[in-house]
Amino acid sequence: MNFSFSPLGDQAIVIEVGQEINEKVQERVRAIALLLEADPPPWMVEIIPAFTTVTVFYHPLATLYETVQQELEERVQHISEAVAGEFRTVEIPVCYGGDFGPDLDFVAQHNGLSPEEVIEIHTSGTYTVYMIGFAPGFPFIGGMSEKIAAPRRDSPRLRIPERTVGIAGMQTGVYPIETPGGWQLIGRTPIRLFRPEQEIPSLLRAGDKIIFRQISEIEYHSLKEEQHAEDH
């Protein structure tokens, strides 16, 4: 396997695993991350897996860049033997349309479909979380059908409620916190994706498999109340 290494400032190194976003590259990204998490070098501070790269932060006063690169080059040669681990499958219930998904009709019209067909396609796939970023706990989820792809809004909204499900291009995702954004909004989940009070605040992580399930507004409020009770 060929990997490239490049410095990021004076405290990090970027391992480029591939140039295309696909399942094979994502598996290698995950394998490298798991390998380093299982046996972290003493100089390592943090690792950040992304679509096609793994960024490794290190203590600049404890080691040299050349030493970091040499050790990482040696370690990543073993990822073909490393077990990427059992991926998790996380079900995300979603109430589609209405006030929860004001852009569902636009996505349907853009693709020559009915809103019901958009929902059916969105809930029929198994997705992969490629990375967490943009906002705390925000999952970039790949694997969506091109049949329901839609462009970003020309004018981003200033406030998008937390837990809102959106589409942008060939990707779908969930806004974990209230934030501005330009994605097309198709629904909302009662599940909290970002929980700052917990040791691991992000519900999702890179490599997770995602399944969306349609629920009614009544079930949405019921599940939201159940989660609120659990959190408190």
C-alpha atoms as a PDB file:
ATOM      1  CA  MET A   1       0.000   0.000   0.000  1.00  0.00           C
ATOM      2  CA  ASN A   2       1.261   3.460  -0.859  1.00  0.00           C
ATOM      3  CA  PHE A   3       0.782   6.321   1.570  1.00  0.00           C
ATOM      4  CA  SER A   4       2.111   9.851   1.457  1.00  0.00           C
ATOM      5  CA  PHE A   5       3.224  11.878   4.470  1.00  0.00           C
ATOM      6  CA  SER A   6       3.321  15.662   4.752  1.00  0.00           C
ATOM      7  CA  PRO A   7       3.789  18.124   7.628  1.00  0.00           C
ATOM      8  CA  LEU A   8       0.924  20.220   8.954  1.00  0.00           C
ATOM      9  CA  GLY A   9       2.560  23.103  10.772  1.00  0.00           C
ATOM     10  CA  ASP A  10       5.144  22.058  13.354  1.00  0.00           C
ATOM     11  CA  GLN A  11       2.879  19.819  15.440  1.00  0.00           C
ATOM     12  CA  ALA A  12       1.168  17.428  13.056  1.00  0.00           C
ATOM     13  CA  ILE A  13       1.680  15.091  10.128  1.00  0.00           C
ATOM     14  CA  VAL A  14      -0.916  14.143   7.528  1.00  0.00           C
ATOM     15  CA  ILE A  15      -1.063  10.585   6.217  1.00  0.00           C
ATOM     16  CA  GLU A  16      -2.815  10.534   2.846  1.00  0.00           C
ATOM     17  CA  VAL A  17      -4.410   7.138   2.296  1.00  0.00           C
ATOM     18  CA  GLY A  18      -5.980   7.796  -1.117  1.00  0.00           C
ATOM     19  CA  GLN A  19      -7.386  10.512  -3.331  1.00  0.00           C
ATOM     20  CA  GLU A  20     -10.899   9.167  -3.848  1.00  0.00           C
ATOM     21  CA  ILE A  21     -13.657   8.977  -1.256  1.00  0.00           C
ATOM     22  CA  ASN A  22     -14.787   5.359  -1.184  1.00  0.00           C
ATOM     23  CA  GLU A  23     -15.302   2.418   1.160  1.00  0.00           C
ATOM     24  CA  LYS A  24     -11.845   0.910   0.593  1.00  0.00           C
ATOM     25  CA  VAL A  25     -10.029   4.143   1.420  1.00  0.00           C
ATOM     26  CA  GLN A  26     -12.275   4.689   4.431  1.00  0.00           C
ATOM     27  CA  GLU A  27     -11.476   1.186   5.739  1.00  0.00           C
ATOM     28  CA  ARG A  28      -7.743   1.965   5.544  1.00  0.00           C
ATOM     29  CA  VAL A  29      -8.267   5.308   7.303  1.00  0.00           C
ATOM     30  CA  ARG A  30     -10.163   3.534  10.062  1.00  0.00           C
ATOM     31  CA  ALA A  31      -7.551   0.759  10.319  1.00  0.00           C
ATOM     32  CA  ILE A  32      -4.727   3.285  10.774  1.00  0.00           C
ATOM     33  CA  ALA A  33      -6.714   5.184  13.396  1.00  0.00           C
ATOM     34  CA  LEU A  34      -7.508   2.005  15.326  1.00  0.00           C
ATOM     35  CA  LEU A  35      -3.891   0.834  15.093  1.00  0.00           C
ATOM     36  CA  LEU A  36      -2.629   4.091  16.637  1.00  0.00           C
ATOM     37  CA  GLU A  37      -5.392   4.210  19.254  1.00  0.00           C
ATOM     38  CA  ALA A  38      -4.624   0.665  20.379  1.00  0.00           C
ATOM     39  CA  ASP A  39      -0.888   1.343  20.766  1.00  0.00           C
ATOM     40  CA  PRO A  40      -0.298   5.122  20.808  1.00  0.00           C
ATOM     41  CA  PRO A  41       3.308   6.317  20.465  1.00  0.00           C
ATOM     42  CA  PRO A  42       4.506   8.290  23.529  1.00  0.00           C
ATOM     43  CA  TRP A  43       4.794  11.470  21.465  1.00  0.00           C
ATOM     44  CA  MET A  44       1.257  11.321  20.053  1.00  0.00           C
ATOM     45  CA  VAL A  45      -1.308  13.896  21.208  1.00  0.00           C
ATOM     46  CA  GLU A  46      -4.334  13.233  19.017  1.00  0.00           C
ATOM     47  CA  ILE A  47      -5.416  11.644  15.743  1.00  0.00           C
ATOM     48  CA  ILE A  48      -8.121  12.929  13.421  1.00  0.00           C
ATOM     49  CA  PRO A  49      -9.413  10.556  10.720  1.00  0.00           C
ATOM     50  CA  ALA A  50     -11.064  12.234   7.721  1.00  0.00           C
ATOM     51  CA  PHE A  51     -12.337  11.249   4.258  1.00  0.00           C
ATOM     52  CA  THR A  52      -8.975  10.186   2.812  1.00  0.00           C
ATOM     53  CA  THR A  53      -6.437  11.176   5.467  1.00  0.00           C
ATOM     54  CA  VAL A  54      -5.377  10.637   9.049  1.00  0.00           C
ATOM     55  CA  THR A  55      -3.829  13.638  10.788  1.00  0.00           C
ATOM     56  CA  VAL A  56      -1.538  12.791  13.695  1.00  0.00           C
ATOM     57  CA  PHE A  57      -0.684  15.518  16.219  1.00  0.00           C
ATOM     58  CA  TYR A  58       2.486  15.167  18.283  1.00  0.00           C
ATOM     59  CA  HIS A  59       4.510  16.969  20.962  1.00  0.00           C
ATOM     60  CA  PRO A  60       7.042  19.079  18.995  1.00  0.00           C
ATOM     61  CA  LEU A  61       9.331  19.389  22.022  1.00  0.00           C
ATOM     62  CA  ALA A  62       9.378  15.641  22.610  1.00  0.00           C
ATOM     63  CA  THR A  63      10.367  14.430  19.145  1.00  0.00           C
ATOM     64  CA  LEU A  64      11.378  15.435  15.628  1.00  0.00           C
ATOM     65  CA  TYR A  65       9.165  15.406  12.541  1.00  0.00           C
ATOM     66  CA  GLU A  66      11.533  12.983  10.822  1.00  0.00           C
ATOM     67  CA  THR A  67      11.241  10.575  13.746  1.00  0.00           C
ATOM     68  CA  VAL A  68       7.441  10.767  13.689  1.00  0.00           C
ATOM     69  CA  GLN A  69       7.300  10.105   9.950  1.00  0.00           C
ATOM     70  CA  GLN A  70       9.711   7.176  10.160  1.00  0.00           C
ATOM     71  CA  GLU A  71       7.742   5.487  12.956  1.00  0.00           C
ATOM     72  CA  LEU A  72       4.401   6.057  11.237  1.00  0.00           C
ATOM     73  CA  GLU A  73       5.755   4.666   7.964  1.00  0.00           C
ATOM     74  CA  GLU A  74       6.783   1.503   9.803  1.00  0.00           C
ATOM     75  CA  ARG A  75       3.466   1.182  11.609  1.00  0.00           C
ATOM     76  CA  VAL A  76       1.128   1.682   8.661  1.00  0.00           C
ATOM     77  CA  GLN A  77       2.792  -1.143   6.743  1.00  0.00           C
ATOM     78  CA  HIS A  78       0.964  -3.485   9.118  1.00  0.00           C
ATOM     79  CA  ILE A  79      -2.555  -2.211   8.576  1.00  0.00           C
ATOM     80  CA  SER A  80      -3.300  -4.958   6.052  1.00  0.00           C
ATOM     81  CA  GLU A  81      -2.909  -7.345   8.970  1.00  0.00           C
ATOM     82  CA  ALA A  82      -4.803  -5.139  11.396  1.00  0.00           C
ATOM     83  CA  VAL A  83      -8.424  -5.877  12.079  1.00  0.00           C
ATOM     84  CA  ALA A  84     -10.519  -2.806  11.404  1.00  0.00           C
ATOM     85  CA  GLY A  85     -12.841  -3.937  14.164  1.00  0.00           C
ATOM     86  CA  GLU A  86     -16.559  -4.591  14.147  1.00  0.00           C
ATOM     87  CA  PHE A  87     -18.323  -1.525  12.869  1.00  0.00           C
ATOM     88  CA  ARG A  88     -21.373  -0.296  14.724  1.00  0.00           C
ATOM     89  CA  THR A  89     -24.772   0.016  13.077  1.00  0.00           C
ATOM     90  CA  VAL A  90     -26.723   2.963  14.431  1.00  0.00           C
ATOM     91  CA  GLU A  91     -30.400   3.478  13.651  1.00  0.00           C
ATOM     92  CA  ILE A  92     -31.536   7.092  13.450  1.00  0.00           C
ATOM     93  CA  PRO A  93     -35.302   7.644  13.577  1.00  0.00           C
ATOM     94  CA  VAL A  94     -36.451  10.628  11.503  1.00  0.00           C
ATOM     95  CA  CYS A  95     -39.708  12.534  11.225  1.00  0.00           C
ATOM     96  CA  TYR A  96     -39.706  13.778   7.633  1.00  0.00           C
ATOM     97  CA  GLY A  97     -41.252  16.889   6.094  1.00  0.00           C
ATOM     98  CA  GLY A  98     -43.445  19.594   7.569  1.00  0.00           C
ATOM     99  CA  ASP A  99     -41.793  21.999   9.994  1.00  0.00           C
ATOM    100  CA  PHE A 100     -39.081  19.382  10.616  1.00  0.00           C
ATOM    101  CA  GLY A 101     -38.122  19.116   6.937  1.00  0.00           C
ATOM    102  CA  PRO A 102     -39.140  22.275   5.073  1.00  0.00           C
ATOM    103  CA  ASP A 103     -37.020  21.416   1.998  1.00  0.00           C
ATOM    104  CA  LEU A 104     -38.408  17.925   1.422  1.00  0.00           C
ATOM    105  CA  ASP A 105     -40.688  19.174  -1.359  1.00  0.00           C
ATOM    106  CA  PHE A 106     -37.784  20.952  -3.065  1.00  0.00           C
ATOM    107  CA  VAL A 107     -35.629  17.807  -3.014  1.00  0.00           C
ATOM    108  CA  ALA A 108     -38.539  15.862  -4.477  1.00  0.00           C
ATOM    109  CA  GLN A 109     -39.236  18.392  -7.249  1.00  0.00           C
ATOM    110  CA  HIS A 110     -35.524  18.750  -8.050  1.00  0.00           C
ATOM    111  CA  ASN A 111     -35.323  15.005  -8.718  1.00  0.00           C
ATOM    112  CA  GLY A 112     -38.752  14.512 -10.322  1.00  0.00           C
ATOM    113  CA  LEU A 113     -39.994  12.477  -7.382  1.00  0.00           C
ATOM    114  CA  SER A 114     -42.765  12.654  -4.821  1.00  0.00           C
ATOM    115  CA  PRO A 115     -41.885  13.450  -1.181  1.00  0.00           C
ATOM    116  CA  GLU A 116     -42.856   9.883  -0.290  1.00  0.00           C
ATOM    117  CA  GLU A 117     -40.372   8.515  -2.832  1.00  0.00           C
ATOM    118  CA  VAL A 118     -37.589  10.703  -1.411  1.00  0.00           C
ATOM    119  CA  ILE A 119     -38.310   9.324   2.061  1.00  0.00           C
ATOM    120  CA  GLU A 120     -38.398   5.746   0.754  1.00  0.00           C
ATOM    121  CA  ILE A 121     -35.027   6.151  -0.960  1.00  0.00           C
ATOM    122  CA  HIS A 122     -33.462   7.946   2.020  1.00  0.00           C
ATOM    123  CA  THR A 123     -34.537   5.186   4.421  1.00  0.00           C
ATOM    124  CA  SER A 124     -33.627   2.280   2.123  1.00  0.00           C
ATOM    125  CA  GLY A 125     -29.858   2.715   2.200  1.00  0.00           C
ATOM    126  CA  THR A 126     -27.102   1.762   4.601  1.00  0.00           C
ATOM    127  CA  TYR A 127     -24.741   4.702   5.025  1.00  0.00           C
ATOM    128  CA  THR A 128     -21.190   5.151   6.309  1.00  0.00           C
ATOM    129  CA  VAL A 129     -19.909   7.923   8.570  1.00  0.00           C
ATOM    130  CA  TYR A 130     -16.754   9.146   6.829  1.00  0.00           C
ATOM    131  CA  MET A 131     -15.754  11.801   9.338  1.00  0.00           C
ATOM    132  CA  ILE A 132     -16.927  14.057  12.157  1.00  0.00           C
ATOM    133  CA  GLY A 133     -16.432  17.783  11.605  1.00  0.00           C
ATOM    134  CA  PHE A 134     -17.770  21.210  10.592  1.00  0.00           C
ATOM    135  CA  ALA A 135     -19.618  21.458  13.925  1.00  0.00           C
ATOM    136  CA  PRO A 136     -19.208  19.402  17.131  1.00  0.00           C
ATOM    137  CA  GLY A 137     -20.492  15.897  16.437  1.00  0.00           C
ATOM    138  CA  PHE A 138     -21.541  16.649  12.834  1.00  0.00           C
ATOM    139  CA  PRO A 139     -21.341  13.417  10.790  1.00  0.00           C
ATOM    140  CA  PHE A 140     -20.424  13.517   7.110  1.00  0.00           C
ATOM    141  CA  ILE A 141     -22.338  10.497   5.845  1.00  0.00           C
ATOM    142  CA  GLY A 142     -21.656   8.854   2.502  1.00  0.00           C
ATOM    143  CA  GLY A 143     -23.559   6.304   0.494  1.00  0.00           C
ATOM    144  CA  MET A 144     -26.690   8.285  -0.369  1.00  0.00           C
ATOM    145  CA  SER A 145     -28.435   7.525  -3.652  1.00  0.00           C
ATOM    146  CA  GLU A 146     -27.844  10.047  -6.415  1.00  0.00           C
ATOM    147  CA  LYS A 147     -31.598   9.851  -7.060  1.00  0.00           C
ATOM    148  CA  ILE A 148     -32.201  12.268  -4.170  1.00  0.00           C
ATOM    149  CA  ALA A 149     -29.064  14.417  -4.467  1.00  0.00           C
ATOM    150  CA  ALA A 150     -29.727  18.156  -4.216  1.00  0.00           C
ATOM    151  CA  PRO A 151     -27.626  21.334  -4.297  1.00  0.00           C
ATOM    152  CA  ARG A 152     -26.991  23.504  -1.274  1.00  0.00           C
ATOM    153  CA  ARG A 153     -29.276  26.475  -0.761  1.00  0.00           C
ATOM    154  CA  ASP A 154     -28.263  29.723  -2.482  1.00  0.00           C
ATOM    155  CA  SER A 155     -28.809  31.552   0.814  1.00  0.00           C
ATOM    156  CA  PRO A 156     -27.816  29.568   3.938  1.00  0.00           C
ATOM    157  CA  ARG A 157     -30.180  29.688   6.887  1.00  0.00           C
ATOM    158  CA  LEU A 158     -28.917  31.594   9.917  1.00  0.00           C
ATOM    159  CA  ARG A 159     -30.382  29.081  12.368  1.00  0.00           C
ATOM    160  CA  ILE A 160     -30.990  25.381  11.832  1.00  0.00           C
ATOM    161  CA  PRO A 161     -32.440  23.500  14.823  1.00  0.00           C
ATOM    162  CA  GLU A 162     -30.307  20.780  16.353  1.00  0.00           C
ATOM    163  CA  ARG A 163     -30.939  17.193  15.178  1.00  0.00           C
ATOM    164  CA  THR A 164     -32.160  18.342  11.729  1.00  0.00           C
ATOM    165  CA  VAL A 165     -31.430  15.945   8.844  1.00  0.00           C
ATOM    166  CA  GLY A 166     -30.205  17.499   5.611  1.00  0.00           C
ATOM    167  CA  ILE A 167     -28.933  16.792   2.108  1.00  0.00           C
ATOM    168  CA  ALA A 168     -26.138  18.570   0.235  1.00  0.00           C
ATOM    169  CA  GLY A 169     -24.964  17.173  -3.077  1.00  0.00           C
ATOM    170  CA  MET A 170     -24.452  13.425  -2.711  1.00  0.00           C
ATOM    171  CA  GLN A 171     -24.201  13.586   1.068  1.00  0.00           C
ATOM    172  CA  THR A 172     -26.677  13.465   3.897  1.00  0.00           C
ATOM    173  CA  GLY A 173     -26.040  14.474   7.486  1.00  0.00           C
ATOM    174  CA  VAL A 174     -27.539  15.563  10.789  1.00  0.00           C
ATOM    175  CA  TYR A 175     -26.963  18.960  12.416  1.00  0.00           C
ATOM    176  CA  PRO A 176     -26.020  18.013  16.009  1.00  0.00           C
ATOM    177  CA  ILE A 177     -26.304  21.573  17.349  1.00  0.00           C
ATOM    178  CA  GLU A 178     -28.161  24.715  16.335  1.00  0.00           C
ATOM    179  CA  THR A 179     -26.027  26.391  13.694  1.00  0.00           C
ATOM    180  CA  PRO A 180     -26.184  28.278  10.395  1.00  0.00           C
ATOM    181  CA  GLY A 181     -26.114  26.069   7.319  1.00  0.00           C
ATOM    182  CA  GLY A 182     -26.988  25.702   3.673  1.00  0.00           C
ATOM    183  CA  TRP A 183     -28.084  22.074   3.414  1.00  0.00           C
ATOM    184  CA  GLN A 184     -31.579  21.131   2.216  1.00  0.00           C
ATOM    185  CA  LEU A 185     -33.569  20.126   5.309  1.00  0.00           C
ATOM    186  CA  ILE A 186     -35.732  17.022   4.975  1.00  0.00           C
ATOM    187  CA  GLY A 187     -36.502  15.930   8.548  1.00  0.00           C
ATOM    188  CA  ARG A 188     -35.488  15.805  12.185  1.00  0.00           C
ATOM    189  CA  THR A 189     -34.470  13.106  14.644  1.00  0.00           C
ATOM    190  CA  PRO A 190     -35.290  13.034  18.370  1.00  0.00           C
ATOM    191  CA  ILE A 191     -31.844  11.534  19.049  1.00  0.00           C
ATOM    192  CA  ARG A 192     -29.104  13.812  20.405  1.00  0.00           C
ATOM    193  CA  LEU A 193     -25.905  13.393  18.416  1.00  0.00           C
ATOM    194  CA  PHE A 194     -23.769  15.753  20.512  1.00  0.00           C
ATOM    195  CA  ARG A 195     -23.701  15.288  24.293  1.00  0.00           C
ATOM    196  CA  PRO A 196     -21.051  17.580  25.790  1.00  0.00           C
ATOM    197  CA  GLU A 197     -21.745  16.336  29.310  1.00  0.00           C
ATOM    198  CA  GLN A 198     -20.508  12.836  28.431  1.00  0.00           C
ATOM    199  CA  GLU A 199     -16.906  11.624  28.258  1.00  0.00           C
ATOM    200  CA  ILE A 200     -17.341  10.824  24.552  1.00  0.00           C
ATOM    201  CA  PRO A 201     -19.595  13.659  23.402  1.00  0.00           C
ATOM    202  CA  SER A 202     -20.248  12.510  19.829  1.00  0.00           C
ATOM    203  CA  LEU A 203     -22.804   9.730  19.453  1.00  0.00           C
ATOM    204  CA  LEU A 204     -21.378   8.785  16.059  1.00  0.00           C
ATOM    205  CA  ARG A 205     -17.804   8.159  14.952  1.00  0.00           C
ATOM    206  CA  ALA A 206     -16.012   7.522  11.692  1.00  0.00           C
ATOM    207  CA  GLY A 207     -16.711   4.049  10.338  1.00  0.00           C
ATOM    208  CA  ASP A 208     -20.198   3.702  11.813  1.00  0.00           C
ATOM    209  CA  LYS A 209     -22.967   2.374   9.587  1.00  0.00           C
ATOM    210  CA  ILE A 210     -26.175   4.401   9.621  1.00  0.00           C
ATOM    211  CA  ILE A 211     -29.753   3.381   8.926  1.00  0.00           C
ATOM    212  CA  PHE A 212     -32.506   6.004   8.831  1.00  0.00           C
ATOM    213  CA  ARG A 213     -36.026   4.977   9.922  1.00  0.00           C
ATOM    214  CA  GLN A 214     -39.152   7.016   9.286  1.00  0.00           C
ATOM    215  CA  ILE A 215     -41.280   7.851  12.322  1.00  0.00           C
ATOM    216  CA  SER A 216     -44.443   9.858  12.915  1.00  0.00           C
ATOM    217  CA  GLU A 217     -44.545  13.197  14.719  1.00  0.00           C
ATOM    218  CA  ILE A 218     -46.197  11.475  17.692  1.00  0.00           C
ATOM    219  CA  GLU A 219     -43.353   8.945  17.887  1.00  0.00           C
ATOM    220  CA  TYR A 220     -40.843  11.779  17.490  1.00  0.00           C
ATOM    221  CA  HIS A 221     -42.120  13.590  20.585  1.00  0.00           C
ATOM    222  CA  SER A 222     -42.390  10.308  22.526  1.00  0.00           C
ATOM    223  CA  LEU A 223     -38.785   9.329  21.763  1.00  0.00           C
ATOM    224  CA  LYS A 224     -37.576  12.849  22.531  1.00  0.00           C
ATOM    225  CA  GLU A 225     -39.240  12.735  25.946  1.00  0.00           C
ATOM    226  CA  GLU A 226     -37.731   9.306  26.634  1.00  0.00           C
ATOM    227  CA  GLN A 227     -34.266  10.554  25.796  1.00  0.00           C
ATOM    228  CA  HIS A 228     -34.711  13.674  27.889  1.00  0.00           C
ATOM    229  CA  ALA A 229     -35.638  11.465  30.856  1.00  0.00           C
ATOM    230  CA  GLU A 230     -32.576   9.241  30.277  1.00  0.00           C
ATOM    231  CA  ASP A 231     -30.246  12.234  30.063  1.00  0.00           C
ATOM    232  CA  HIS A 232     -31.526  13.551  33.355  1.00  0.00           C
END
